[in-house]
Amino acid sequence: MWIKTLDDLLINLSQVETLELVSSVSGTRLVPGFETSELEPDYYEIIANLPSGQQHPLFANESAELVRKVFDAIAVFTKAHTILEDLANERVLSTEDALKPPRE
């Protein structure tokens, strides 16, 4: 199954080694002497890690709950659909598609 990343690439989820939930603090809030772990995150991201070491953002939002829902939806979606079905239908997954319940 193919998915469009936030950096405008299409990647095949079968080639993704891991999906990671990451909390991020914007660079404008960083203060010398403070650890980023001491600051509230500005936003949360889902990152796809490829075997090559490349990382691609799939989704980002200020709401940790929404990012977790998208993460879980991507997991369910990838279980419910085979790669062959997606290739046959030439379907590209967007985050909007991931939030929809899977077809039966």
C-alpha atoms as a PDB file:
ATOM      1  CA  MET A   1       0.000   0.000   0.000  1.00  0.00           C
ATOM      2  CA  TRP A   2       1.315   3.425  -0.938  1.00  0.00           C
ATOM      3  CA  ILE A   3       1.005   6.478   1.302  1.00  0.00           C
ATOM      4  CA  LYS A   4       1.800  10.125   0.618  1.00  0.00           C
ATOM      5  CA  THR A   5       4.155  11.708   3.132  1.00  0.00           C
ATOM      6  CA  LEU A   6       4.103  15.287   4.384  1.00  0.00           C
ATOM      7  CA  ASP A   7       7.287  15.883   2.395  1.00  0.00           C
ATOM      8  CA  ASP A   8       5.367  14.984  -0.802  1.00  0.00           C
ATOM      9  CA  LEU A   9       6.789  11.530  -1.466  1.00  0.00           C
ATOM     10  CA  LEU A  10       4.943   8.298  -2.100  1.00  0.00           C
ATOM     11  CA  ILE A  11       6.309   5.438  -0.028  1.00  0.00           C
ATOM     12  CA  ASN A  12       5.249   1.811   0.084  1.00  0.00           C
ATOM     13  CA  LEU A  13       4.206   0.881   3.620  1.00  0.00           C
ATOM     14  CA  SER A  14       5.505  -2.643   3.051  1.00  0.00           C
ATOM     15  CA  GLN A  15       8.988  -1.080   2.899  1.00  0.00           C
ATOM     16  CA  VAL A  16       8.576   0.819   6.180  1.00  0.00           C
ATOM     17  CA  GLU A  17      10.595  -0.711   8.986  1.00  0.00           C
ATOM     18  CA  THR A  18       8.795   1.086  11.841  1.00  0.00           C
ATOM     19  CA  LEU A  19       6.234   3.797  12.475  1.00  0.00           C
ATOM     20  CA  GLU A  20       7.067   6.136  15.316  1.00  0.00           C
ATOM     21  CA  LEU A  21       5.038   8.652  17.351  1.00  0.00           C
ATOM     22  CA  VAL A  22       7.178  11.683  18.126  1.00  0.00           C
ATOM     23  CA  SER A  23       6.492  14.796  20.184  1.00  0.00           C
ATOM     24  CA  SER A  24       8.213  17.955  18.954  1.00  0.00           C
ATOM     25  CA  VAL A  25       9.030  21.395  20.290  1.00  0.00           C
ATOM     26  CA  SER A  26       9.463  24.241  17.806  1.00  0.00           C
ATOM     27  CA  GLY A  27      12.940  25.725  17.555  1.00  0.00           C
ATOM     28  CA  THR A  28      11.641  29.183  18.493  1.00  0.00           C
ATOM     29  CA  ARG A  29      10.775  27.932  21.981  1.00  0.00           C
ATOM     30  CA  LEU A  30      14.156  26.392  22.710  1.00  0.00           C
ATOM     31  CA  VAL A  31      16.002  28.209  25.484  1.00  0.00           C
ATOM     32  CA  PRO A  32      19.670  27.595  26.299  1.00  0.00           C
ATOM     33  CA  GLY A  33      20.002  25.608  29.508  1.00  0.00           C
ATOM     34  CA  PHE A  34      16.589  23.913  29.287  1.00  0.00           C
ATOM     35  CA  GLU A  35      16.050  20.381  28.108  1.00  0.00           C
ATOM     36  CA  THR A  36      13.314  19.893  25.502  1.00  0.00           C
ATOM     37  CA  SER A  37      11.828  17.208  27.772  1.00  0.00           C
ATOM     38  CA  GLU A  38      10.966  20.014  30.232  1.00  0.00           C
ATOM     39  CA  LEU A  39       8.748  21.777  27.656  1.00  0.00           C
ATOM     40  CA  GLU A  40       5.237  20.865  26.561  1.00  0.00           C
ATOM     41  CA  PRO A  41       5.295  19.599  22.956  1.00  0.00           C
ATOM     42  CA  ASP A  42       4.010  21.973  20.268  1.00  0.00           C
ATOM     43  CA  TYR A  43       2.897  19.144  18.024  1.00  0.00           C
ATOM     44  CA  TYR A  44       3.045  15.399  17.527  1.00  0.00           C
ATOM     45  CA  GLU A  45       4.118  13.495  14.414  1.00  0.00           C
ATOM     46  CA  ILE A  46       3.949  10.034  12.902  1.00  0.00           C
ATOM     47  CA  ILE A  47       7.311   9.231  11.324  1.00  0.00           C
ATOM     48  CA  ALA A  48       7.937   6.359   8.886  1.00  0.00           C
ATOM     49  CA  ASN A  49      11.431   4.875   9.304  1.00  0.00           C
ATOM     50  CA  LEU A  50      12.823   3.107   6.230  1.00  0.00           C
ATOM     51  CA  PRO A  51      15.546   0.415   6.299  1.00  0.00           C
ATOM     52  CA  SER A  52      17.861   2.883   4.514  1.00  0.00           C
ATOM     53  CA  GLY A  53      17.743   5.151   7.570  1.00  0.00           C
ATOM     54  CA  GLN A  54      15.536   7.732   5.865  1.00  0.00           C
ATOM     55  CA  GLN A  55      12.686   9.178   7.909  1.00  0.00           C
ATOM     56  CA  HIS A  56       9.507  10.647   6.434  1.00  0.00           C
ATOM     57  CA  PRO A  57       6.706  12.450   8.303  1.00  0.00           C
ATOM     58  CA  LEU A  58       3.284  10.969   7.588  1.00  0.00           C
ATOM     59  CA  PHE A  59       1.082  13.150   9.785  1.00  0.00           C
ATOM     60  CA  ALA A  60       1.462  16.015  12.270  1.00  0.00           C
ATOM     61  CA  ASN A  61      -0.974  17.785  14.554  1.00  0.00           C
ATOM     62  CA  GLU A  62      -1.106  19.658  17.866  1.00  0.00           C
ATOM     63  CA  SER A  63      -3.503  17.066  19.306  1.00  0.00           C
ATOM     64  CA  ALA A  64      -1.801  13.980  20.729  1.00  0.00           C
ATOM     65  CA  GLU A  65      -5.168  12.202  20.731  1.00  0.00           C
ATOM     66  CA  LEU A  66      -5.770  12.836  17.014  1.00  0.00           C
ATOM     67  CA  VAL A  67      -2.250  11.707  16.084  1.00  0.00           C
ATOM     68  CA  ARG A  68      -2.758   8.502  18.104  1.00  0.00           C
ATOM     69  CA  LYS A  69      -6.072   7.880  16.274  1.00  0.00           C
ATOM     70  CA  VAL A  70      -4.399   8.313  12.876  1.00  0.00           C
ATOM     71  CA  PHE A  71      -1.544   6.031  13.976  1.00  0.00           C
ATOM     72  CA  ASP A  72      -4.039   3.357  15.039  1.00  0.00           C
ATOM     73  CA  ALA A  73      -6.063   3.825  11.825  1.00  0.00           C
ATOM     74  CA  ILE A  74      -2.951   3.307   9.690  1.00  0.00           C
ATOM     75  CA  ALA A  75      -2.213   0.113  11.637  1.00  0.00           C
ATOM     76  CA  VAL A  76      -5.764  -1.198  11.128  1.00  0.00           C
ATOM     77  CA  PHE A  77      -5.789  -0.127   7.479  1.00  0.00           C
ATOM     78  CA  THR A  78      -2.548  -1.936   6.690  1.00  0.00           C
ATOM     79  CA  LYS A  79      -3.824  -5.115   8.359  1.00  0.00           C
ATOM     80  CA  ALA A  80      -7.143  -4.988   6.519  1.00  0.00           C
ATOM     81  CA  HIS A  81      -5.758  -4.568   3.005  1.00  0.00           C
ATOM     82  CA  THR A  82      -3.255  -6.614   1.100  1.00  0.00           C
ATOM     83  CA  ILE A  83      -0.526  -5.061  -0.991  1.00  0.00           C
ATOM     84  CA  LEU A  84      -1.803  -6.928  -4.059  1.00  0.00           C
ATOM     85  CA  GLU A  85      -5.276  -5.455  -3.660  1.00  0.00           C
ATOM     86  CA  ASP A  86      -3.874  -1.943  -3.426  1.00  0.00           C
ATOM     87  CA  LEU A  87      -1.614  -2.447  -6.427  1.00  0.00           C
ATOM     88  CA  ALA A  88      -4.509  -3.837  -8.449  1.00  0.00           C
ATOM     89  CA  ASN A  89      -6.649  -0.817  -7.546  1.00  0.00           C
ATOM     90  CA  GLU A  90      -3.751   1.667  -7.849  1.00  0.00           C
ATOM     91  CA  ARG A  91      -4.923   3.296  -4.649  1.00  0.00           C
ATOM     92  CA  VAL A  92      -2.919   5.905  -2.716  1.00  0.00           C
ATOM     93  CA  LEU A  93      -3.616   6.309   0.993  1.00  0.00           C
ATOM     94  CA  SER A  94      -4.011   9.792   2.436  1.00  0.00           C
ATOM     95  CA  THR A  95      -4.574  10.621   6.091  1.00  0.00           C
ATOM     96  CA  GLU A  96      -8.241  11.199   5.221  1.00  0.00           C
ATOM     97  CA  ASP A  97      -8.414   7.635   3.848  1.00  0.00           C
ATOM     98  CA  ALA A  98      -6.772   6.323   7.007  1.00  0.00           C
ATOM     99  CA  LEU A  99      -9.488   7.856   9.192  1.00  0.00           C
ATOM    100  CA  LYS A 100     -12.276   6.123   7.243  1.00  0.00           C
ATOM    101  CA  PRO A 101     -13.306   2.638   8.394  1.00  0.00           C
ATOM    102  CA  PRO A 102     -11.836  -0.133   6.196  1.00  0.00           C
ATOM    103  CA  ARG A 103     -13.975  -1.582   3.389  1.00  0.00           C
ATOM    104  CA  GLU A 104     -15.199  -5.127   3.805  1.00  0.00           C
END
